[in-house]
């Protein structure tokens, strides 16, 4: 279980998944949307990524 679905929580989940592909991983956060890269928002708004 990882508390926080921000960048650090997502990296922690990815690291755990890489170490154990069968592990049960749960991200807990207070945002209603799935985790996303806040750093990518300007590029998304400028239509540089999908």
PDB file of N, CA and C in Angstrom:
ATOM      1  N   UNK A   1       0.847  -1.168   0.000  1.00  0.00           N
ATOM      2  CA  UNK A   1       0.000   0.000   0.000  1.00  0.00           C
ATOM      3  C   UNK A   1       0.896   1.235   0.000  1.00  0.00           C
ATOM      4  N   UNK A   2       0.588   2.145  -0.913  1.00  0.00           N
ATOM      5  CA  UNK A   2       1.339   3.390  -1.034  1.00  0.00           C
ATOM      6  C   UNK A   2       0.373   4.541  -0.785  1.00  0.00           C
ATOM      7  N   UNK A   3       0.695   5.368   0.198  1.00  0.00           N
ATOM      8  CA  UNK A   3      -0.127   6.528   0.508  1.00  0.00           C
ATOM      9  C   UNK A   3       0.390   7.700  -0.320  1.00  0.00           C
ATOM     10  N   UNK A   4      -0.489   8.249  -1.163  1.00  0.00           N
ATOM     11  CA  UNK A   4      -0.125   9.375  -2.014  1.00  0.00           C
ATOM     12  C   UNK A   4      -0.016   8.934  -3.462  1.00  0.00           C
ATOM     13  N   UNK A   5      -0.826   9.559  -4.323  1.00  0.00           N
ATOM     14  CA  UNK A   5      -0.799   9.174  -5.735  1.00  0.00           C
ATOM     15  C   UNK A   5      -0.142  10.249  -6.596  1.00  0.00           C
ATOM     16  N   UNK A   6       0.773  10.987  -5.983  1.00  0.00           N
ATOM     17  CA  UNK A   6       1.548  11.974  -6.732  1.00  0.00           C
ATOM     18  C   UNK A   6       2.740  11.303  -7.402  1.00  0.00           C
ATOM     19  N   UNK A   7       3.663  12.098  -7.919  1.00  0.00           N
ATOM     20  CA  UNK A   7       4.810  11.542  -8.634  1.00  0.00           C
ATOM     21  C   UNK A   7       5.624  10.529  -7.819  1.00  0.00           C
ATOM     22  N   UNK A   8       5.869  10.810  -6.562  1.00  0.00           N
ATOM     23  CA  UNK A   8       6.656   9.884  -5.741  1.00  0.00           C
ATOM     24  C   UNK A   8       5.921   8.562  -5.545  1.00  0.00           C
ATOM     25  N   UNK A   9       4.610   8.627  -5.335  1.00  0.00           N
ATOM     26  CA  UNK A   9       3.828   7.405  -5.179  1.00  0.00           C
ATOM     27  C   UNK A   9       3.817   6.564  -6.437  1.00  0.00           C
ATOM     28  N   UNK A  10       3.688   7.212  -7.583  1.00  0.00           N
ATOM     29  CA  UNK A  10       3.681   6.494  -8.863  1.00  0.00           C
ATOM     30  C   UNK A  10       5.042   5.855  -9.119  1.00  0.00           C
ATOM     31  N   UNK A  11       6.122   6.579  -8.850  1.00  0.00           N
ATOM     32  CA  UNK A  11       7.462   6.013  -9.033  1.00  0.00           C
ATOM     33  C   UNK A  11       7.666   4.838  -8.079  1.00  0.00           C
ATOM     34  N   UNK A  12       7.188   4.958  -6.853  1.00  0.00           N
ATOM     35  CA  UNK A  12       7.294   3.845  -5.908  1.00  0.00           C
ATOM     36  C   UNK A  12       6.548   2.621  -6.431  1.00  0.00           C
ATOM     37  N   UNK A  13       5.345   2.820  -6.958  1.00  0.00           N
ATOM     38  CA  UNK A  13       4.564   1.707  -7.504  1.00  0.00           C
ATOM     39  C   UNK A  13       5.272   1.079  -8.701  1.00  0.00           C
ATOM     40  N   UNK A  14       5.822   1.901  -9.591  1.00  0.00           N
ATOM     41  CA  UNK A  14       6.548   1.380 -10.752  1.00  0.00           C
ATOM     42  C   UNK A  14       7.780   0.590 -10.320  1.00  0.00           C
ATOM     43  N   UNK A  15       8.471   1.086  -9.300  1.00  0.00           N
ATOM     44  CA  UNK A  15       9.658   0.398  -8.796  1.00  0.00           C
ATOM     45  C   UNK A  15       9.283  -0.949  -8.195  1.00  0.00           C
ATOM     46  N   UNK A  16       8.209  -0.966  -7.407  1.00  0.00           N
ATOM     47  CA  UNK A  16       7.736  -2.231  -6.837  1.00  0.00           C
ATOM     48  C   UNK A  16       7.316  -3.200  -7.931  1.00  0.00           C
ATOM     49  N   UNK A  17       6.604  -2.718  -8.926  1.00  0.00           N
ATOM     50  CA  UNK A  17       6.160  -3.578 -10.028  1.00  0.00           C
ATOM     51  C   UNK A  17       7.351  -4.169 -10.763  1.00  0.00           C
ATOM     52  N   UNK A  18       8.386  -3.356 -10.964  1.00  0.00           N
ATOM     53  CA  UNK A  18       9.590  -3.840 -11.641  1.00  0.00           C
ATOM     54  C   UNK A  18      10.269  -4.935 -10.812  1.00  0.00           C
ATOM     55  N   UNK A  19      10.270  -4.768  -9.487  1.00  0.00           N
ATOM     56  CA  UNK A  19      10.905  -5.746  -8.603  1.00  0.00           C
ATOM     57  C   UNK A  19      10.088  -7.021  -8.467  1.00  0.00           C
ATOM     58  N   UNK A  20       8.755  -6.913  -8.534  1.00  0.00           N
ATOM     59  CA  UNK A  20       7.875  -8.072  -8.365  1.00  0.00           C
ATOM     60  C   UNK A  20       6.622  -7.874  -9.199  1.00  0.00           C
ATOM     61  N   UNK A  21       6.591  -8.507 -10.352  1.00  0.00           N
ATOM     62  CA  UNK A  21       5.476  -8.339 -11.291  1.00  0.00           C
ATOM     63  C   UNK A  21       4.156  -8.873 -10.743  1.00  0.00           C
ATOM     64  N   UNK A  22       4.202  -9.720  -9.723  1.00  0.00           N
ATOM     65  CA  UNK A  22       2.984 -10.316  -9.169  1.00  0.00           C
ATOM     66  C   UNK A  22       2.516  -9.637  -7.875  1.00  0.00           C
ATOM     67  N   UNK A  23       3.227  -8.636  -7.410  1.00  0.00           N
ATOM     68  CA  UNK A  23       2.892  -7.980  -6.138  1.00  0.00           C
ATOM     69  C   UNK A  23       1.546  -7.269  -6.219  1.00  0.00           C
ATOM     70  N   UNK A  24       0.812  -7.282  -5.115  1.00  0.00           N
ATOM     71  CA  UNK A  24      -0.413  -6.484  -4.996  1.00  0.00           C
ATOM     72  C   UNK A  24       0.002  -5.076  -4.581  1.00  0.00           C
ATOM     73  N   UNK A  25      -0.302  -4.099  -5.418  1.00  0.00           N
ATOM     74  CA  UNK A  25       0.083  -2.711  -5.156  1.00  0.00           C
ATOM     75  C   UNK A  25      -1.176  -1.856  -5.159  1.00  0.00           C
ATOM     76  N   UNK A  26      -1.360  -1.087  -4.103  1.00  0.00           N
ATOM     77  CA  UNK A  26      -2.505  -0.196  -3.994  1.00  0.00           C
ATOM     78  C   UNK A  26      -2.008   1.220  -3.751  1.00  0.00           C
ATOM     79  N   UNK A  27      -2.437   2.148  -4.608  1.00  0.00           N
ATOM     80  CA  UNK A  27      -2.140   3.571  -4.420  1.00  0.00           C
ATOM     81  C   UNK A  27      -3.350   4.223  -3.767  1.00  0.00           C
ATOM     82  N   UNK A  28      -3.125   4.959  -2.695  1.00  0.00           N
ATOM     83  CA  UNK A  28      -4.215   5.653  -2.018  1.00  0.00           C
ATOM     84  C   UNK A  28      -3.937   7.149  -2.069  1.00  0.00           C
ATOM     85  N   UNK A  29      -4.891   7.896  -2.603  1.00  0.00           N
ATOM     86  CA  UNK A  29      -4.756   9.343  -2.682  1.00  0.00           C
ATOM     87  C   UNK A  29      -6.125   9.992  -2.603  1.00  0.00           C
ATOM     88  N   UNK A  30      -6.151  11.302  -2.467  1.00  0.00           N
ATOM     89  CA  UNK A  30      -7.433  11.990  -2.312  1.00  0.00           C
ATOM     90  C   UNK A  30      -7.935  12.633  -3.599  1.00  0.00           C
ATOM     91  N   UNK A  31      -7.214  12.439  -4.711  1.00  0.00           N
ATOM     92  CA  UNK A  31      -7.679  12.994  -5.980  1.00  0.00           C
ATOM     93  C   UNK A  31      -8.643  12.016  -6.653  1.00  0.00           C
ATOM     94  N   UNK A  32      -9.724  12.522  -7.257  1.00  0.00           N
ATOM     95  CA  UNK A  32     -10.699  11.633  -7.896  1.00  0.00           C
ATOM     96  C   UNK A  32     -10.207  11.047  -9.215  1.00  0.00           C
ATOM     97  N   UNK A  33      -9.208  11.670  -9.838  1.00  0.00           N
ATOM     98  CA  UNK A  33      -8.685  11.200 -11.124  1.00  0.00           C
ATOM     99  C   UNK A  33      -7.510  10.250 -10.906  1.00  0.00           C
ATOM    100  N   UNK A  34      -7.237   9.378 -11.883  1.00  0.00           N
ATOM    101  CA  UNK A  34      -6.053   8.516 -11.785  1.00  0.00           C
ATOM    102  C   UNK A  34      -4.779   9.361 -11.786  1.00  0.00           C
ATOM    103  N   UNK A  35      -3.671   8.798 -11.327  1.00  0.00           N
ATOM    104  CA  UNK A  35      -2.413   9.547 -11.336  1.00  0.00           C
ATOM    105  C   UNK A  35      -2.041  10.010 -12.746  1.00  0.00           C
ATOM    106  N   UNK A  36      -1.451  11.184 -12.828  1.00  0.00           N
ATOM    107  CA  UNK A  36      -1.021  11.730 -14.111  1.00  0.00           C
ATOM    108  C   UNK A  36       0.218  12.590 -13.874  1.00  0.00           C
ATOM    109  N   UNK A  37       0.940  12.871 -14.934  1.00  0.00           N
ATOM    110  CA  UNK A  37       2.149  13.679 -14.840  1.00  0.00           C
ATOM    111  C   UNK A  37       1.794  15.161 -14.909  1.00  0.00           C
ATOM    112  N   UNK A  38       1.934  15.841 -13.796  1.00  0.00           N
ATOM    113  CA  UNK A  38       1.644  17.274 -13.779  1.00  0.00           C
ATOM    114  C   UNK A  38       2.648  18.052 -14.637  1.00  0.00           C
ATOM    115  N   UNK A  39       3.858  17.516 -14.749  1.00  0.00           N
ATOM    116  CA  UNK A  39       4.886  18.172 -15.561  1.00  0.00           C
ATOM    117  C   UNK A  39       4.547  18.127 -17.049  1.00  0.00           C
ATOM    118  N   UNK A  40       3.680  17.209 -17.470  1.00  0.00           N
ATOM    119  CA  UNK A  40       3.329  17.079 -18.890  1.00  0.00           C
ATOM    120  C   UNK A  40       2.172  17.988 -19.300  1.00  0.00           C
ATOM    121  N   UNK A  41       1.503  18.618 -18.351  1.00  0.00           N
ATOM    122  CA  UNK A  41       0.324  19.434 -18.667  1.00  0.00           C
ATOM    123  C   UNK A  41       0.625  20.537 -19.689  1.00  0.00           C
ATOM    124  N   UNK A  42       1.710  21.313 -19.551  1.00  0.00           N
ATOM    125  CA  UNK A  42       1.969  22.341 -20.571  1.00  0.00           C
ATOM    126  C   UNK A  42       2.119  21.755 -21.976  1.00  0.00           C
ATOM    127  N   UNK A  43       2.778  20.600 -22.082  1.00  0.00           N
ATOM    128  CA  UNK A  43       2.957  19.963 -23.392  1.00  0.00           C
ATOM    129  C   UNK A  43       1.628  19.471 -23.944  1.00  0.00           C
ATOM    130  N   UNK A  44       0.778  18.975 -23.071  1.00  0.00           N
ATOM    131  CA  UNK A  44      -0.553  18.540 -23.489  1.00  0.00           C
ATOM    132  C   UNK A  44      -1.357  19.737 -23.998  1.00  0.00           C
ATOM    133  N   UNK A  45      -1.292  20.840 -23.283  1.00  0.00           N
ATOM    134  CA  UNK A  45      -2.025  22.038 -23.686  1.00  0.00           C
ATOM    135  C   UNK A  45      -1.493  22.632 -24.992  1.00  0.00           C
ATOM    136  N   UNK A  46      -0.207  22.448 -25.247  1.00  0.00           N
ATOM    137  CA  UNK A  46       0.374  22.948 -26.497  1.00  0.00           C
ATOM    138  C   UNK A  46       0.268  21.914 -27.618  1.00  0.00           C
ATOM    139  N   UNK A  47      -0.450  20.832 -27.364  1.00  0.00           N
ATOM    140  CA  UNK A  47      -0.687  19.757 -28.342  1.00  0.00           C
ATOM    141  C   UNK A  47       0.605  19.089 -28.811  1.00  0.00           C
ATOM    142  N   UNK A  48       1.581  19.005 -27.916  1.00  0.00           N
ATOM    143  CA  UNK A  48       2.822  18.318 -28.282  1.00  0.00           C
ATOM    144  C   UNK A  48       2.781  16.839 -27.918  1.00  0.00           C
ATOM    145  N   UNK A  49       1.809  16.452 -27.075  1.00  0.00           N
ATOM    146  CA  UNK A  49       1.614  15.041 -26.740  1.00  0.00           C
ATOM    147  C   UNK A  49       0.124  14.759 -26.749  1.00  0.00           C
ATOM    148  N   UNK A  50      -0.217  13.473 -26.831  1.00  0.00           N
ATOM    149  CA  UNK A  50      -1.630  13.061 -26.789  1.00  0.00           C
ATOM    150  C   UNK A  50      -2.022  12.677 -25.384  1.00  0.00           C
TER     151      UNK A  50
END
